[in-house]
mmCIF file of all heavy atoms, coordinates in Angstrom:
data_MODEL
# 
_entry.id   MODEL 
# 
loop_
_atom_site.group_PDB 
_atom_site.id 
_atom_site.type_symbol 
_atom_site.label_atom_id 
_atom_site.label_alt_id 
_atom_site.label_comp_id 
_atom_site.label_asym_id 
_atom_site.label_entity_id 
_atom_site.label_seq_id 
_atom_site.pdbx_PDB_ins_code 
_atom_site.Cartn_x 
_atom_site.Cartn_y 
_atom_site.Cartn_z 
_atom_site.occupancy 
_atom_site.B_iso_or_equiv 
_atom_site.pdbx_formal_charge 
_atom_site.auth_seq_id 
_atom_site.auth_comp_id 
_atom_site.auth_asym_id 
_atom_site.auth_atom_id 
_atom_site.pdbx_PDB_model_num 
ATOM 1   N N   . ASN A 1 1  ? 14.267 -67.027 -68.202 1.00 0.00 ? 1  ASN A N   1 
ATOM 2   C CA  . ASN A 1 1  ? 13.938 -65.725 -68.745 1.00 0.00 ? 1  ASN A CA  1 
ATOM 3   C C   . ASN A 1 1  ? 14.699 -65.369 -69.971 1.00 0.00 ? 1  ASN A C   1 
ATOM 4   O O   . ASN A 1 1  ? 15.915 -65.618 -70.044 1.00 0.00 ? 1  ASN A O   1 
ATOM 5   C CB  . ASN A 1 1  ? 14.225 -64.613 -67.671 1.00 0.00 ? 1  ASN A CB  1 
ATOM 6   C CG  . ASN A 1 1  ? 13.858 -63.183 -68.152 1.00 0.00 ? 1  ASN A CG  1 
ATOM 7   O OD1 . ASN A 1 1  ? 12.787 -62.983 -68.573 1.00 0.00 ? 1  ASN A OD1 1 
ATOM 8   N ND2 . ASN A 1 1  ? 14.806 -62.308 -68.062 1.00 0.00 ? 1  ASN A ND2 1 
ATOM 9   N N   . LEU A 1 2  ? 14.045 -64.845 -71.002 1.00 0.00 ? 2  LEU A N   1 
ATOM 10  C CA  . LEU A 1 2  ? 14.660 -64.481 -72.283 1.00 0.00 ? 2  LEU A CA  1 
ATOM 11  C C   . LEU A 1 2  ? 14.996 -63.036 -72.218 1.00 0.00 ? 2  LEU A C   1 
ATOM 12  O O   . LEU A 1 2  ? 14.133 -62.195 -71.927 1.00 0.00 ? 2  LEU A O   1 
ATOM 13  C CB  . LEU A 1 2  ? 13.755 -64.771 -73.447 1.00 0.00 ? 2  LEU A CB  1 
ATOM 14  C CG  . LEU A 1 2  ? 13.200 -66.220 -73.577 1.00 0.00 ? 2  LEU A CG  1 
ATOM 15  C CD1 . LEU A 1 2  ? 12.397 -66.384 -74.837 1.00 0.00 ? 2  LEU A CD1 1 
ATOM 16  C CD2 . LEU A 1 2  ? 14.419 -67.195 -73.652 1.00 0.00 ? 2  LEU A CD2 1 
ATOM 17  N N   . MET A 1 3  ? 16.246 -62.717 -72.589 1.00 0.00 ? 3  MET A N   1 
ATOM 18  C CA  . MET A 1 3  ? 16.748 -61.322 -72.553 1.00 0.00 ? 3  MET A CA  1 
ATOM 19  C C   . MET A 1 3  ? 16.747 -60.676 -73.887 1.00 0.00 ? 3  MET A C   1 
ATOM 20  O O   . MET A 1 3  ? 16.799 -59.435 -74.024 1.00 0.00 ? 3  MET A O   1 
ATOM 21  C CB  . MET A 1 3  ? 18.103 -61.271 -71.895 1.00 0.00 ? 3  MET A CB  1 
ATOM 22  C CG  . MET A 1 3  ? 18.220 -61.957 -70.561 1.00 0.00 ? 3  MET A CG  1 
ATOM 23  S SD  . MET A 1 3  ? 19.908 -62.154 -69.970 1.00 0.00 ? 3  MET A SD  1 
ATOM 24  C CE  . MET A 1 3  ? 20.379 -60.382 -69.712 1.00 0.00 ? 3  MET A CE  1 
ATOM 25  N N   . MET A 1 4  ? 16.779 -61.497 -74.964 1.00 0.00 ? 4  MET A N   1 
ATOM 26  C CA  . MET A 1 4  ? 16.769 -60.994 -76.324 1.00 0.00 ? 4  MET A CA  1 
ATOM 27  C C   . MET A 1 4  ? 16.371 -62.121 -77.237 1.00 0.00 ? 4  MET A C   1 
ATOM 28  O O   . MET A 1 4  ? 16.693 -63.260 -77.011 1.00 0.00 ? 4  MET A O   1 
ATOM 29  C CB  . MET A 1 4  ? 18.210 -60.488 -76.682 1.00 0.00 ? 4  MET A CB  1 
ATOM 30  C CG  . MET A 1 4  ? 18.418 -60.117 -78.134 1.00 0.00 ? 4  MET A CG  1 
ATOM 31  S SD  . MET A 1 4  ? 20.176 -59.580 -78.365 1.00 0.00 ? 4  MET A SD  1 
ATOM 32  C CE  . MET A 1 4  ? 20.246 -59.575 -80.193 1.00 0.00 ? 4  MET A CE  1 
ATOM 33  N N   . ILE A 1 5  ? 15.701 -61.852 -78.327 1.00 0.00 ? 5  ILE A N   1 
ATOM 34  C CA  . ILE A 1 5  ? 15.242 -62.808 -79.287 1.00 0.00 ? 5  ILE A CA  1 
ATOM 35  C C   . ILE A 1 5  ? 15.608 -62.275 -80.684 1.00 0.00 ? 5  ILE A C   1 
ATOM 36  O O   . ILE A 1 5  ? 15.458 -61.123 -81.028 1.00 0.00 ? 5  ILE A O   1 
ATOM 37  C CB  . ILE A 1 5  ? 13.721 -63.055 -79.249 1.00 0.00 ? 5  ILE A CB  1 
ATOM 38  C CG1 . ILE A 1 5  ? 13.334 -63.555 -77.792 1.00 0.00 ? 5  ILE A CG1 1 
ATOM 39  C CG2 . ILE A 1 5  ? 13.274 -64.096 -80.279 1.00 0.00 ? 5  ILE A CG2 1 
ATOM 40  C CD1 . ILE A 1 5  ? 11.864 -63.613 -77.581 1.00 0.00 ? 5  ILE A CD1 1 
ATOM 41  N N   . SER A 1 6  ? 15.988 -63.257 -81.583 1.00 0.00 ? 6  SER A N   1 
ATOM 42  C CA  . SER A 1 6  ? 16.340 -62.824 -82.950 1.00 0.00 ? 6  SER A CA  1 
ATOM 43  C C   . SER A 1 6  ? 15.962 -63.996 -83.857 1.00 0.00 ? 6  SER A C   1 
ATOM 44  O O   . SER A 1 6  ? 16.266 -65.120 -83.630 1.00 0.00 ? 6  SER A O   1 
ATOM 45  C CB  . SER A 1 6  ? 17.862 -62.525 -83.074 1.00 0.00 ? 6  SER A CB  1 
ATOM 46  O OG  . SER A 1 6  ? 18.215 -62.187 -84.379 1.00 0.00 ? 6  SER A OG  1 
ATOM 47  N N   . GLN A 1 7  ? 15.379 -63.647 -85.031 1.00 0.00 ? 7  GLN A N   1 
ATOM 48  C CA  . GLN A 1 7  ? 15.117 -64.663 -86.056 1.00 0.00 ? 7  GLN A CA  1 
ATOM 49  C C   . GLN A 1 7  ? 15.260 -64.031 -87.429 1.00 0.00 ? 7  GLN A C   1 
ATOM 50  O O   . GLN A 1 7  ? 14.789 -62.934 -87.729 1.00 0.00 ? 7  GLN A O   1 
ATOM 51  C CB  . GLN A 1 7  ? 13.696 -65.241 -85.922 1.00 0.00 ? 7  GLN A CB  1 
ATOM 52  C CG  . GLN A 1 7  ? 13.400 -66.292 -86.966 1.00 0.00 ? 7  GLN A CG  1 
ATOM 53  C CD  . GLN A 1 7  ? 12.032 -66.924 -86.820 1.00 0.00 ? 7  GLN A CD  1 
ATOM 54  O OE1 . GLN A 1 7  ? 11.179 -66.398 -86.120 1.00 0.00 ? 7  GLN A OE1 1 
ATOM 55  N NE2 . GLN A 1 7  ? 11.793 -68.091 -87.431 1.00 0.00 ? 7  GLN A NE2 1 
ATOM 56  N N   . GLY A 1 8  ? 15.993 -64.741 -88.329 1.00 0.00 ? 8  GLY A N   1 
ATOM 57  C CA  . GLY A 1 8  ? 16.161 -64.277 -89.660 1.00 0.00 ? 8  GLY A CA  1 
ATOM 58  C C   . GLY A 1 8  ? 15.006 -64.639 -90.570 1.00 0.00 ? 8  GLY A C   1 
ATOM 59  O O   . GLY A 1 8  ? 14.173 -65.490 -90.157 1.00 0.00 ? 8  GLY A O   1 
ATOM 60  N N   . SER A 1 9  ? 14.896 -64.022 -91.689 1.00 0.00 ? 9  SER A N   1 
ATOM 61  C CA  . SER A 1 9  ? 13.809 -64.294 -92.613 1.00 0.00 ? 9  SER A CA  1 
ATOM 62  C C   . SER A 1 9  ? 13.740 -65.654 -93.153 1.00 0.00 ? 9  SER A C   1 
ATOM 63  O O   . SER A 1 9  ? 12.719 -66.154 -93.606 1.00 0.00 ? 9  SER A O   1 
ATOM 64  C CB  . SER A 1 9  ? 13.831 -63.219 -93.783 1.00 0.00 ? 9  SER A CB  1 
ATOM 65  O OG  . SER A 1 9  ? 15.060 -63.383 -94.512 1.00 0.00 ? 9  SER A OG  1 
ATOM 66  N N   . SER A 1 10 ? 14.930 -66.385 -93.137 1.00 0.00 ? 10 SER A N   1 
ATOM 67  C CA  . SER A 1 10 ? 14.934 -67.750 -93.629 1.00 0.00 ? 10 SER A CA  1 
ATOM 68  C C   . SER A 1 10 ? 14.202 -68.717 -92.717 1.00 0.00 ? 10 SER A C   1 
ATOM 69  O O   . SER A 1 10 ? 13.834 -69.803 -93.111 1.00 0.00 ? 10 SER A O   1 
ATOM 70  C CB  . SER A 1 10 ? 16.421 -68.242 -93.717 1.00 0.00 ? 10 SER A CB  1 
ATOM 71  O OG  . SER A 1 10 ? 17.014 -68.389 -92.507 1.00 0.00 ? 10 SER A OG  1 
ATOM 72  N N   . GLU A 1 11 ? 13.994 -68.311 -91.444 1.00 0.00 ? 11 GLU A N   1 
ATOM 73  C CA  . GLU A 1 11 ? 13.283 -69.102 -90.447 1.00 0.00 ? 11 GLU A CA  1 
ATOM 74  C C   . GLU A 1 11 ? 13.970 -70.397 -90.078 1.00 0.00 ? 11 GLU A C   1 
ATOM 75  O O   . GLU A 1 11 ? 13.454 -71.305 -89.481 1.00 0.00 ? 11 GLU A O   1 
ATOM 76  C CB  . GLU A 1 11 ? 11.844 -69.402 -90.918 1.00 0.00 ? 11 GLU A CB  1 
ATOM 77  C CG  . GLU A 1 11 ? 10.961 -68.181 -91.172 1.00 0.00 ? 11 GLU A CG  1 
ATOM 78  C CD  . GLU A 1 11 ? 9.545  -68.619 -91.539 1.00 0.00 ? 11 GLU A CD  1 
ATOM 79  O OE1 . GLU A 1 11 ? 8.889  -69.311 -90.783 1.00 0.00 ? 11 GLU A OE1 1 
ATOM 80  O OE2 . GLU A 1 11 ? 9.114  -68.164 -92.608 1.00 0.00 ? 11 GLU A OE2 1 
ATOM 81  N N   . VAL A 1 12 ? 15.272 -70.537 -90.525 1.00 0.00 ? 12 VAL A N   1 
ATOM 82  C CA  . VAL A 1 12 ? 16.023 -71.722 -90.218 1.00 0.00 ? 12 VAL A CA  1 
ATOM 83  C C   . VAL A 1 12 ? 16.581 -71.695 -88.778 1.00 0.00 ? 12 VAL A C   1 
ATOM 84  O O   . VAL A 1 12 ? 16.910 -72.687 -88.217 1.00 0.00 ? 12 VAL A O   1 
ATOM 85  C CB  . VAL A 1 12 ? 17.198 -71.886 -91.240 1.00 0.00 ? 12 VAL A CB  1 
ATOM 86  C CG1 . VAL A 1 12 ? 18.105 -73.077 -90.863 1.00 0.00 ? 12 VAL A CG1 1 
ATOM 87  C CG2 . VAL A 1 12 ? 16.584 -72.132 -92.587 1.00 0.00 ? 12 VAL A CG2 1 
ATOM 88  N N   . ASN A 1 13 ? 16.658 -70.516 -88.191 1.00 0.00 ? 13 ASN A N   1 
ATOM 89  C CA  . ASN A 1 13 ? 17.268 -70.410 -86.922 1.00 0.00 ? 13 ASN A CA  1 
ATOM 90  C C   . ASN A 1 13 ? 16.509 -69.390 -86.088 1.00 0.00 ? 13 ASN A C   1 
ATOM 91  O O   . ASN A 1 13 ? 16.237 -68.275 -86.406 1.00 0.00 ? 13 ASN A O   1 
ATOM 92  C CB  . ASN A 1 13 ? 18.768 -69.819 -87.060 1.00 0.00 ? 13 ASN A CB  1 
ATOM 93  C CG  . ASN A 1 13 ? 19.483 -69.589 -85.787 1.00 0.00 ? 13 ASN A CG  1 
ATOM 94  O OD1 . ASN A 1 13 ? 18.941 -69.717 -84.742 1.00 0.00 ? 13 ASN A OD1 1 
ATOM 95  N ND2 . ASN A 1 13 ? 20.740 -69.236 -85.951 1.00 0.00 ? 13 ASN A ND2 1 
ATOM 96  N N   . ILE A 1 14 ? 16.124 -69.864 -84.864 1.00 0.00 ? 14 ILE A N   1 
ATOM 97  C CA  . ILE A 1 14 ? 15.554 -68.927 -83.786 1.00 0.00 ? 14 ILE A CA  1 
ATOM 98  C C   . ILE A 1 14 ? 16.559 -68.845 -82.704 1.00 0.00 ? 14 ILE A C   1 
ATOM 99  O O   . ILE A 1 14 ? 16.898 -69.853 -82.131 1.00 0.00 ? 14 ILE A O   1 
ATOM 100 C CB  . ILE A 1 14 ? 14.181 -69.444 -83.295 1.00 0.00 ? 14 ILE A CB  1 
ATOM 101 C CG1 . ILE A 1 14 ? 13.143 -69.507 -84.462 1.00 0.00 ? 14 ILE A CG1 1 
ATOM 102 C CG2 . ILE A 1 14 ? 13.709 -68.516 -82.206 1.00 0.00 ? 14 ILE A CG2 1 
ATOM 103 C CD1 . ILE A 1 14 ? 11.834 -70.058 -84.038 1.00 0.00 ? 14 ILE A CD1 1 
ATOM 104 N N   . SER A 1 15 ? 17.040 -67.676 -82.444 1.00 0.00 ? 15 SER A N   1 
ATOM 105 C CA  . SER A 1 15 ? 18.083 -67.451 -81.483 1.00 0.00 ? 15 SER A CA  1 
ATOM 106 C C   . SER A 1 15 ? 17.561 -66.607 -80.344 1.00 0.00 ? 15 SER A C   1 
ATOM 107 O O   . SER A 1 15 ? 16.717 -65.737 -80.557 1.00 0.00 ? 15 SER A O   1 
ATOM 108 C CB  . SER A 1 15 ? 19.317 -66.823 -82.075 1.00 0.00 ? 15 SER A CB  1 
ATOM 109 O OG  . SER A 1 15 ? 19.677 -67.480 -83.227 1.00 0.00 ? 15 SER A OG  1 
ATOM 110 N N   . PHE A 1 16 ? 18.140 -66.839 -79.158 1.00 0.00 ? 16 PHE A N   1 
ATOM 111 C CA  . PHE A 1 16 ? 17.756 -66.057 -78.004 1.00 0.00 ? 16 PHE A CA  1 
ATOM 112 C C   . PHE A 1 16 ? 18.899 -65.948 -77.032 1.00 0.00 ? 16 PHE A C   1 
ATOM 113 O O   . PHE A 1 16 ? 19.824 -66.788 -77.082 1.00 0.00 ? 16 PHE A O   1 
ATOM 114 C CB  . PHE A 1 16 ? 16.450 -66.513 -77.359 1.00 0.00 ? 16 PHE A CB  1 
ATOM 115 C CG  . PHE A 1 16 ? 16.489 -67.960 -76.963 1.00 0.00 ? 16 PHE A CG  1 
ATOM 116 C CD1 . PHE A 1 16 ? 16.958 -68.349 -75.711 1.00 0.00 ? 16 PHE A CD1 1 
ATOM 117 C CD2 . PHE A 1 16 ? 16.090 -68.956 -77.850 1.00 0.00 ? 16 PHE A CD2 1 
ATOM 118 C CE1 . PHE A 1 16 ? 16.979 -69.666 -75.347 1.00 0.00 ? 16 PHE A CE1 1 
ATOM 119 C CE2 . PHE A 1 16 ? 16.106 -70.266 -77.453 1.00 0.00 ? 16 PHE A CE2 1 
ATOM 120 C CZ  . PHE A 1 16 ? 16.627 -70.645 -76.163 1.00 0.00 ? 16 PHE A CZ  1 
ATOM 121 N N   . VAL A 1 17 ? 18.826 -65.010 -76.084 1.00 0.00 ? 17 VAL A N   1 
ATOM 122 C CA  . VAL A 1 17 ? 19.844 -64.824 -75.116 1.00 0.00 ? 17 VAL A CA  1 
ATOM 123 C C   . VAL A 1 17 ? 19.251 -65.020 -73.711 1.00 0.00 ? 17 VAL A C   1 
ATOM 124 O O   . VAL A 1 17 ? 18.180 -64.586 -73.390 1.00 0.00 ? 17 VAL A O   1 
ATOM 125 C CB  . VAL A 1 17 ? 20.418 -63.392 -75.176 1.00 0.00 ? 17 VAL A CB  1 
ATOM 126 C CG1 . VAL A 1 17 ? 21.448 -63.156 -74.110 1.00 0.00 ? 17 VAL A CG1 1 
ATOM 127 C CG2 . VAL A 1 17 ? 21.069 -63.188 -76.560 1.00 0.00 ? 17 VAL A CG2 1 
ATOM 128 N N   . VAL A 1 18 ? 20.002 -65.759 -72.916 1.00 0.00 ? 18 VAL A N   1 
ATOM 129 C CA  . VAL A 1 18 ? 19.568 -66.016 -71.508 1.00 0.00 ? 18 VAL A CA  1 
ATOM 130 C C   . VAL A 1 18 ? 20.810 -65.798 -70.598 1.00 0.00 ? 18 VAL A C   1 
ATOM 131 O O   . VAL A 1 18 ? 21.957 -65.733 -71.073 1.00 0.00 ? 18 VAL A O   1 
ATOM 132 C CB  . VAL A 1 18 ? 19.027 -67.502 -71.329 1.00 0.00 ? 18 VAL A CB  1 
ATOM 133 C CG1 . VAL A 1 18 ? 17.779 -67.687 -72.167 1.00 0.00 ? 18 VAL A CG1 1 
ATOM 134 C CG2 . VAL A 1 18 ? 20.119 -68.524 -71.635 1.00 0.00 ? 18 VAL A CG2 1 
ATOM 135 N N   . LYS A 1 19 ? 20.543 -65.796 -69.307 1.00 0.00 ? 19 LYS A N   1 
ATOM 136 C CA  . LYS A 1 19 ? 21.643 -65.710 -68.355 1.00 0.00 ? 19 LYS A CA  1 
ATOM 137 C C   . LYS A 1 19 ? 22.555 -66.971 -68.466 1.00 0.00 ? 19 LYS A C   1 
ATOM 138 O O   . LYS A 1 19 ? 22.106 -68.062 -68.860 1.00 0.00 ? 19 LYS A O   1 
ATOM 139 C CB  . LYS A 1 19 ? 21.105 -65.602 -66.926 1.00 0.00 ? 19 LYS A CB  1 
ATOM 140 C CG  . LYS A 1 19 ? 20.654 -64.183 -66.539 1.00 0.00 ? 19 LYS A CG  1 
ATOM 141 C CD  . LYS A 1 19 ? 21.820 -63.254 -66.469 1.00 0.00 ? 19 LYS A CD  1 
ATOM 142 C CE  . LYS A 1 19 ? 21.400 -61.897 -65.907 1.00 0.00 ? 19 LYS A CE  1 
ATOM 143 N NZ  . LYS A 1 19 ? 22.495 -60.946 -65.938 1.00 0.00 ? 19 LYS A NZ  1 
ATOM 144 N N   . GLN A 1 20 ? 23.788 -66.753 -68.213 1.00 0.00 ? 20 GLN A N   1 
ATOM 145 C CA  . GLN A 1 20 ? 24.817 -67.848 -68.425 1.00 0.00 ? 20 GLN A CA  1 
ATOM 146 C C   . GLN A 1 20 ? 24.398 -69.145 -67.685 1.00 0.00 ? 20 GLN A C   1 
ATOM 147 O O   . GLN A 1 20 ? 24.526 -70.209 -68.210 1.00 0.00 ? 20 GLN A O   1 
ATOM 148 C CB  . GLN A 1 20 ? 26.148 -67.331 -67.980 1.00 0.00 ? 20 GLN A CB  1 
ATOM 149 C CG  . GLN A 1 20 ? 27.298 -68.249 -68.429 1.00 0.00 ? 20 GLN A CG  1 
ATOM 150 C CD  . GLN A 1 20 ? 28.671 -67.556 -68.254 1.00 0.00 ? 20 GLN A CD  1 
ATOM 151 O OE1 . GLN A 1 20 ? 28.838 -66.680 -67.510 1.00 0.00 ? 20 GLN A OE1 1 
ATOM 152 N NE2 . GLN A 1 20 ? 29.656 -68.027 -69.071 1.00 0.00 ? 20 GLN A NE2 1 
ATOM 153 N N   . ASN A 1 21 ? 23.946 -68.995 -66.447 1.00 0.00 ? 21 ASN A N   1 
ATOM 154 C CA  . ASN A 1 21 ? 23.577 -70.187 -65.669 1.00 0.00 ? 21 ASN A CA  1 
ATOM 155 C C   . ASN A 1 21 ? 22.421 -70.878 -66.239 1.00 0.00 ? 21 ASN A C   1 
ATOM 156 O O   . ASN A 1 21 ? 22.172 -72.121 -66.013 1.00 0.00 ? 21 ASN A O   1 
ATOM 157 C CB  . ASN A 1 21 ? 23.282 -69.783 -64.239 1.00 0.00 ? 21 ASN A CB  1 
ATOM 158 C CG  . ASN A 1 21 ? 24.515 -69.399 -63.460 1.00 0.00 ? 21 ASN A CG  1 
ATOM 159 O OD1 . ASN A 1 21 ? 25.682 -69.765 -63.817 1.00 0.00 ? 21 ASN A OD1 1 
ATOM 160 N ND2 . ASN A 1 21 ? 24.350 -68.674 -62.374 1.00 0.00 ? 21 ASN A ND2 1 
ATOM 161 N N   . ASP A 1 22 ? 21.555 -70.174 -67.016 1.00 0.00 ? 22 ASP A N   1 
ATOM 162 C CA  . ASP A 1 22 ? 20.358 -70.786 -67.681 1.00 0.00 ? 22 ASP A CA  1 
ATOM 163 C C   . ASP A 1 22 ? 20.638 -71.491 -68.969 1.00 0.00 ? 22 ASP A C   1 
ATOM 164 O O   . ASP A 1 22 ? 19.862 -72.206 -69.499 1.00 0.00 ? 22 ASP A O   1 
ATOM 165 C CB  . ASP A 1 22 ? 19.298 -69.762 -67.799 1.00 0.00 ? 22 ASP A CB  1 
ATOM 166 C CG  . ASP A 1 22 ? 18.616 -69.359 -66.544 1.00 0.00 ? 22 ASP A CG  1 
ATOM 167 O OD1 . ASP A 1 22 ? 18.624 -70.208 -65.612 1.00 0.00 ? 22 ASP A OD1 1 
ATOM 168 O OD2 . ASP A 1 22 ? 18.104 -68.233 -66.403 1.00 0.00 ? 22 ASP A OD2 1 
ATOM 169 N N   . GLY A 1 23 ? 21.891 -71.244 -69.525 1.00 0.00 ? 23 GLY A N   1 
ATOM 170 C CA  . GLY A 1 23 ? 22.191 -71.757 -70.861 1.00 0.00 ? 23 GLY A CA  1 
ATOM 171 C C   . GLY A 1 23 ? 22.074 -73.263 -71.017 1.00 0.00 ? 23 GLY A C   1 
ATOM 172 O O   . GLY A 1 23 ? 21.287 -73.717 -71.868 1.00 0.00 ? 23 GLY A O   1 
ATOM 173 N N   . PRO A 1 24 ? 22.830 -74.031 -70.264 1.00 0.00 ? 24 PRO A N   1 
ATOM 174 C CA  . PRO A 1 24 ? 22.745 -75.481 -70.400 1.00 0.00 ? 24 PRO A CA  1 
ATOM 175 C C   . PRO A 1 24 ? 21.313 -76.051 -70.112 1.00 0.00 ? 24 PRO A C   1 
ATOM 176 O O   . PRO A 1 24 ? 20.895 -76.917 -70.799 1.00 0.00 ? 24 PRO A O   1 
ATOM 177 C CB  . PRO A 1 24 ? 23.753 -75.953 -69.313 1.00 0.00 ? 24 PRO A CB  1 
ATOM 178 C CG  . PRO A 1 24 ? 24.708 -74.898 -69.162 1.00 0.00 ? 24 PRO A CG  1 
ATOM 179 C CD  . PRO A 1 24 ? 23.909 -73.625 -69.310 1.00 0.00 ? 24 PRO A CD  1 
# 
């Protein structure tokens, strides 16, 4: 499950937040 999504206008990085146990 995704809790937050962020992407800059450069499109070089798509970032998102998940629960700690889901990270690895």
